[in-house]
Structure formats: C-alpha cells, structure tokens
C-alpha atoms as a PDB file:
ATOM      1  CA  MET A   1      13.177  -7.835  -5.923  1.00  0.00           C
ATOM      2  CA  ILE A   2      12.012  -8.700  -9.398  1.00  0.00           C
ATOM      3  CA  SER A   3      13.789  -6.410 -11.853  1.00  0.00           C
ATOM      4  CA  GLU A   4      10.592  -5.300 -13.607  1.00  0.00           C
ATOM      5  CA  PHE A   5       9.296  -3.829 -10.347  1.00  0.00           C
ATOM      6  CA  PRO A   6      10.218  -0.317  -9.304  1.00  0.00           C
ATOM      7  CA  GLU A   7      12.386   0.285  -6.255  1.00  0.00           C
ATOM      8  CA  PHE A   8      10.324   0.987  -3.152  1.00  0.00           C
ATOM      9  CA  THR A   9      11.064   3.110  -0.108  1.00  0.00           C
ATOM     10  CA  THR A  10      11.494   1.370   3.230  1.00  0.00           C
ATOM     11  CA  TRP A  11       8.424   0.136   5.090  1.00  0.00           C
ATOM     12  CA  THR A  12       7.187   3.105   7.114  1.00  0.00           C
ATOM     13  CA  LEU A  13       4.484   3.226   9.743  1.00  0.00           C
ATOM     14  CA  TRP A  14       1.285   4.691   8.314  1.00  0.00           C
ATOM     15  CA  ALA A  15       1.324   7.337  11.040  1.00  0.00           C
ATOM     16  CA  ASP A  16       4.764   8.450   9.756  1.00  0.00           C
ATOM     17  CA  ARG A  17       3.879   8.409   6.039  1.00  0.00           C
ATOM     18  CA  ALA A  18       4.714  12.095   5.568  1.00  0.00           C
ATOM     19  CA  LYS A  19       8.350  11.189   6.317  1.00  0.00           C
ATOM     20  CA  ILE A  20       8.643   8.925   3.261  1.00  0.00           C
ATOM     21  CA  ALA A  21      11.116  10.202   0.700  1.00  0.00           C
ATOM     22  CA  ASP A  22       9.196  11.730  -2.202  1.00  0.00           C
ATOM     23  CA  ALA A  23       5.873  11.573  -0.303  1.00  0.00           C
ATOM     24  CA  ASP A  24       5.049  14.957  -1.776  1.00  0.00           C
ATOM     25  CA  ALA A  25       5.987  13.833  -5.279  1.00  0.00           C
ATOM     26  CA  CYS A  26       3.690  12.779  -8.056  1.00  0.00           C
ATOM     27  CA  CYS A  27       3.169   9.996  -9.304  1.00  0.00           C
ATOM     28  CA  GLY A  28       3.650   6.314  -8.511  1.00  0.00           C
ATOM     29  CA  VAL A  29       2.559   3.119  -6.839  1.00  0.00           C
ATOM     30  CA  TYR A  30       2.297   2.282  -3.168  1.00  0.00           C
ATOM     31  CA  LEU A  31       1.786  -0.773  -0.988  1.00  0.00           C
ATOM     32  CA  LEU A  32      -0.035  -0.955   2.322  1.00  0.00           C
ATOM     33  CA  ALA A  33       0.804  -3.882   4.568  1.00  0.00           C
ATOM     34  CA  GLN A  34      -0.529  -4.994   7.891  1.00  0.00           C
ATOM     35  CA  PHE A  35       2.170  -6.728   9.914  1.00  0.00           C
ATOM     36  CA  ARG A  36       1.322  -8.400  13.233  1.00  0.00           C
ATOM     37  CA  VAL A  37       4.835  -7.526  14.400  1.00  0.00           C
ATOM     38  CA  GLU A  38       7.299  -4.971  13.080  1.00  0.00           C
ATOM     39  CA  PRO A  39       8.707  -6.229   9.763  1.00  0.00           C
ATOM     40  CA  ALA A  40      12.029  -8.034  10.128  1.00  0.00           C
ATOM     41  CA  SER A  41      13.504  -5.559   7.697  1.00  0.00           C
ATOM     42  CA  THR A  42      12.001  -2.228   6.834  1.00  0.00           C
ATOM     43  CA  ILE A  43      14.696  -1.815   4.198  1.00  0.00           C
ATOM     44  CA  ASP A  44      14.245  -4.923   2.041  1.00  0.00           C
ATOM     45  CA  VAL A  45      10.714  -4.544   0.712  1.00  0.00           C
ATOM     46  CA  ASP A  46       9.196  -7.638  -0.882  1.00  0.00           C
ATOM     47  CA  ALA A  47       6.643  -6.095  -3.228  1.00  0.00           C
ATOM     48  CA  LEU A  48       4.660  -9.346  -3.082  1.00  0.00           C
ATOM     49  CA  ASP A  49       4.775  -9.946   0.689  1.00  0.00           C
ATOM     50  CA  GLU A  50       1.700 -11.815   1.927  1.00  0.00           C
ATOM     51  CA  SER A  51       1.118  -9.065   4.520  1.00  0.00           C
ATOM     52  CA  ILE A  52       0.287  -6.580   1.747  1.00  0.00           C
ATOM     53  CA  VAL A  53      -3.369  -5.623   1.922  1.00  0.00           C
ATOM     54  CA  ARG A  54      -3.451  -2.932  -0.761  1.00  0.00           C
ATOM     55  CA  ILE A  55      -1.608  -2.226  -3.989  1.00  0.00           C
ATOM     56  CA  GLY A  56      -2.487   1.244  -5.214  1.00  0.00           C
ATOM     57  CA  GLU A  57      -1.408   4.004  -7.548  1.00  0.00           C
ATOM     58  CA  THR A  58      -1.654   7.718  -7.989  1.00  0.00           C
ATOM     59  CA  HIS A  59      -1.161   9.398 -11.337  1.00  0.00           C
ATOM     60  CA  ALA A  60      -2.644  12.846 -10.857  1.00  0.00           C
ATOM     61  CA  ARG A  61      -1.848  13.651  -7.240  1.00  0.00           C
ATOM     62  CA  THR A  62       1.064  13.359  -4.865  1.00  0.00           C
ATOM     63  CA  PHE A  63       1.251  10.377  -2.529  1.00  0.00           C
ATOM     64  CA  LEU A  64       0.292  12.568   0.432  1.00  0.00           C
ATOM     65  CA  GLU A  65      -2.699  13.965  -1.429  1.00  0.00           C
ATOM     66  CA  ARG A  66      -3.787  10.445  -2.340  1.00  0.00           C
ATOM     67  CA  TRP A  67      -3.310   9.098   1.165  1.00  0.00           C
ATOM     68  CA  GLY A  68      -5.021  12.022   2.788  1.00  0.00           C
ATOM     69  CA  SER A  69      -7.983  12.448   0.466  1.00  0.00           C
ATOM     70  CA  LYS A  70     -11.375  12.405   2.072  1.00  0.00           C
ATOM     71  CA  GLY A  71     -13.486   9.483   0.984  1.00  0.00           C
ATOM     72  CA  ASN A  72     -10.646   7.040   0.426  1.00  0.00           C
ATOM     73  CA  ASP A  73     -11.444   3.537   1.632  1.00  0.00           C
ATOM     74  CA  TRP A  74      -8.682   3.386   4.224  1.00  0.00           C
ATOM     75  CA  GLN A  75      -9.963   6.451   6.016  1.00  0.00           C
ATOM     76  CA  SER A  76     -13.178   4.669   6.891  1.00  0.00           C
ATOM     77  CA  VAL A  77     -11.318   1.488   7.848  1.00  0.00           C
ATOM     78  CA  PHE A  78      -8.179   2.712   9.595  1.00  0.00           C
ATOM     79  CA  ASN A  79      -9.149   6.134  10.885  1.00  0.00           C
ATOM     80  CA  ARG A  80     -12.136   4.962  12.876  1.00  0.00           C
ATOM     81  CA  ASP A  81     -12.398   6.880  16.130  1.00  0.00           C
ATOM     82  CA  GLY A  82      -9.366   8.925  15.082  1.00  0.00           C
ATOM     83  CA  GLY A  83      -6.972   6.025  15.534  1.00  0.00           C
ATOM     84  CA  VAL A  84      -4.821   4.002  13.189  1.00  0.00           C
ATOM     85  CA  PRO A  85      -3.657   0.538  14.181  1.00  0.00           C
ATOM     86  CA  PRO A  86       0.112   0.512  14.840  1.00  0.00           C
ATOM     87  CA  CYS A  87       0.516  -2.453  12.491  1.00  0.00           C
ATOM     88  CA  LEU A  88      -0.181  -0.565   9.239  1.00  0.00           C
ATOM     89  CA  TYR A  89       2.875   0.182   7.082  1.00  0.00           C
ATOM     90  CA  VAL A  90       3.276   1.878   3.710  1.00  0.00           C
ATOM     91  CA  THR A  91       5.960   1.965   1.039  1.00  0.00           C
ATOM     92  CA  ALA A  92       5.999   3.904  -2.212  1.00  0.00           C
ATOM     93  CA  SER A  93       7.787   4.141  -5.515  1.00  0.00           C
ATOM     94  CA  ARG A  94       7.833   6.954  -8.034  1.00  0.00           C
ATOM     95  CA  VAL A  95       6.654   5.837 -11.447  1.00  0.00           C
ATOM     96  CA  GLU A  96       6.060   7.866 -14.578  1.00  0.00           C
ATOM     97  CA  PRO A  97       2.390   8.943 -14.712  1.00  0.00           C
ATOM     98  CA  HIS A  98       1.660   6.990 -17.888  1.00  0.00           C
ATOM     99  CA  ARG A  99       2.945   3.757 -16.243  1.00  0.00           C
ATOM    100  CA  THR A 100       1.263   3.828 -12.806  1.00  0.00           C
ATOM    101  CA  VAL A 101      -1.757   1.712 -13.757  1.00  0.00           C
ATOM    102  CA  GLU A 102       0.447  -0.728 -15.684  1.00  0.00           C
ATOM    103  CA  VAL A 103       2.790  -1.208 -12.716  1.00  0.00           C
ATOM    104  CA  GLU A 104      -0.128  -1.535 -10.263  1.00  0.00           C
ATOM    105  CA  GLN A 105      -1.667  -4.230 -12.474  1.00  0.00           C
ATOM    106  CA  LEU A 106       1.678  -6.016 -12.837  1.00  0.00           C
ATOM    107  CA  LEU A 107       2.177  -6.090  -9.070  1.00  0.00           C
ATOM    108  CA  THR A 108      -1.390  -7.266  -8.487  1.00  0.00           C
ATOM    109  CA  GLY A 109      -1.032 -10.009 -11.099  1.00  0.00           C
ATOM    110  CA  ARG A 110       2.235 -11.244  -9.606  1.00  0.00           C
ATOM    111  CA  TYR A 111       0.720 -11.117  -6.109  1.00  0.00           C
ATOM    112  CA  ILE A 112      -2.147 -13.311  -7.323  1.00  0.00           C
ATOM    113  CA  GLU A 113       0.319 -15.728  -8.956  1.00  0.00           C
ATOM    114  CA  ARG A 114       2.239 -16.072  -5.687  1.00  0.00           C
ATOM    115  CA  HIS A 115      -0.666 -16.212  -3.226  1.00  0.00           C
ATOM    116  CA  GLY A 116      -3.608 -17.438  -5.312  1.00  0.00           C
ATOM    117  CA  ARG A 117      -5.727 -14.420  -4.366  1.00  0.00           C
ATOM    118  CA  ARG A 118      -5.829 -10.637  -4.557  1.00  0.00           C
ATOM    119  CA  PRO A 119      -4.598  -8.547  -1.637  1.00  0.00           C
ATOM    120  CA  ALA A 120      -7.284  -8.544   1.062  1.00  0.00           C
ATOM    121  CA  TRP A 121      -8.077  -4.885   0.526  1.00  0.00           C
ATOM    122  CA  HIS A 122      -8.409  -4.685  -3.231  1.00  0.00           C
ATOM    123  CA  THR A 123     -10.976  -2.046  -4.138  1.00  0.00           C
ATOM    124  CA  ASN A 124     -11.978  -3.763  -7.364  1.00  0.00           C
ATOM    125  CA  ASP A 125     -12.669  -7.020  -5.555  1.00  0.00           C
ATOM    126  CA  GLY A 126     -15.108  -6.179  -2.796  1.00  0.00           C
ATOM    127  CA  TRP A 127     -12.473  -5.692  -0.091  1.00  0.00           C
ATOM    128  CA  ALA A 128     -14.901  -4.713   2.649  1.00  0.00           C
ATOM    129  CA  GLY A 129     -16.165  -8.247   3.120  1.00  0.00           C
ATOM    130  CA  ARG A 130     -12.714  -9.809   3.465  1.00  0.00           C
ATOM    131  CA  PHE A 131     -10.529  -7.214   5.144  1.00  0.00           C
ATOM    132  CA  GLN A 132     -10.426  -6.736   8.907  1.00  0.00           C
ATOM    133  CA  PRO A 133      -7.757  -4.643  10.616  1.00  0.00           C
ATOM    134  CA  PHE A 134      -6.067  -6.625  13.387  1.00  0.00           C
ATOM    135  CA  ASP A 135      -7.606  -4.472  16.091  1.00  0.00           C
ATOM    136  CA  THR A 136     -11.073  -5.652  15.057  1.00  0.00           C
ATOM    137  CA  ILE A 137     -10.315  -9.379  14.832  1.00  0.00           C
END
C-alpha cells in the first residue's frame, strides 16, 4: 500500500459491515468494492483496486451511521427488494475528521491516475448512469 494512504480494515461483506473493527467509530474513509468472486485476499487491501466502485468519507458520523443513513445512494441501488448482492464488500480506515475529505480526494485522484476514470459509483460524477450491480447485468 502507498504510504500516504491510511491502513484499511480487511475486505468485509457488506452484509457483515457491523463486524468491522471501529465500525462504530467516527470518522474516516471507506471503500466499497464489487467483486465477481470472493477477493483473493481479504487482508491485503489495495486501496486502488479496479473493483472499487465507491470511495467515500464520513466526518461527522460513525461509519455505521453513514452506511445506514436513509437516503444514501447505495440504499436505493443495493437494498432493492430488501436484498444486497453477495458480491459487495466494504473496508474502512479511521482518519482524523479534518483530513477525511483530503484523503478521499487523494484516493480518488490516485484511482483515476491508475485506471483513467473515476470509480463507477462516484456521486459527484453521475454514477447512476454507469453503475450496475452484478445482479442486474
């Protein structure tokens, strides 16, 4: 991992997100990834993996509050009909509140450098037209 990036938790199934260490802590950055198969390693998180569909941050709420808030984009995409595709994973990293946006922007910029595009589900880039969960493809 690039030294300027924070250390992330292991990849965890979205359905098990409450089990992430520090999930009830504030504040930090998180990554959502959609893997077609279980990641080869849930321990070694590549913060720029091509499977990442969302780079996000929370600076005023805990991760669980952020992930469970009504009205968040992923609720309308992934919680359709009460189900979440089994391919959605999340990882998180605690970051000082005054640095969350900076770290999110750094990760997004490096992701763009590596892949030539933003993550498919980037809320500032009209994600809805480009992002399709695997179960809808």
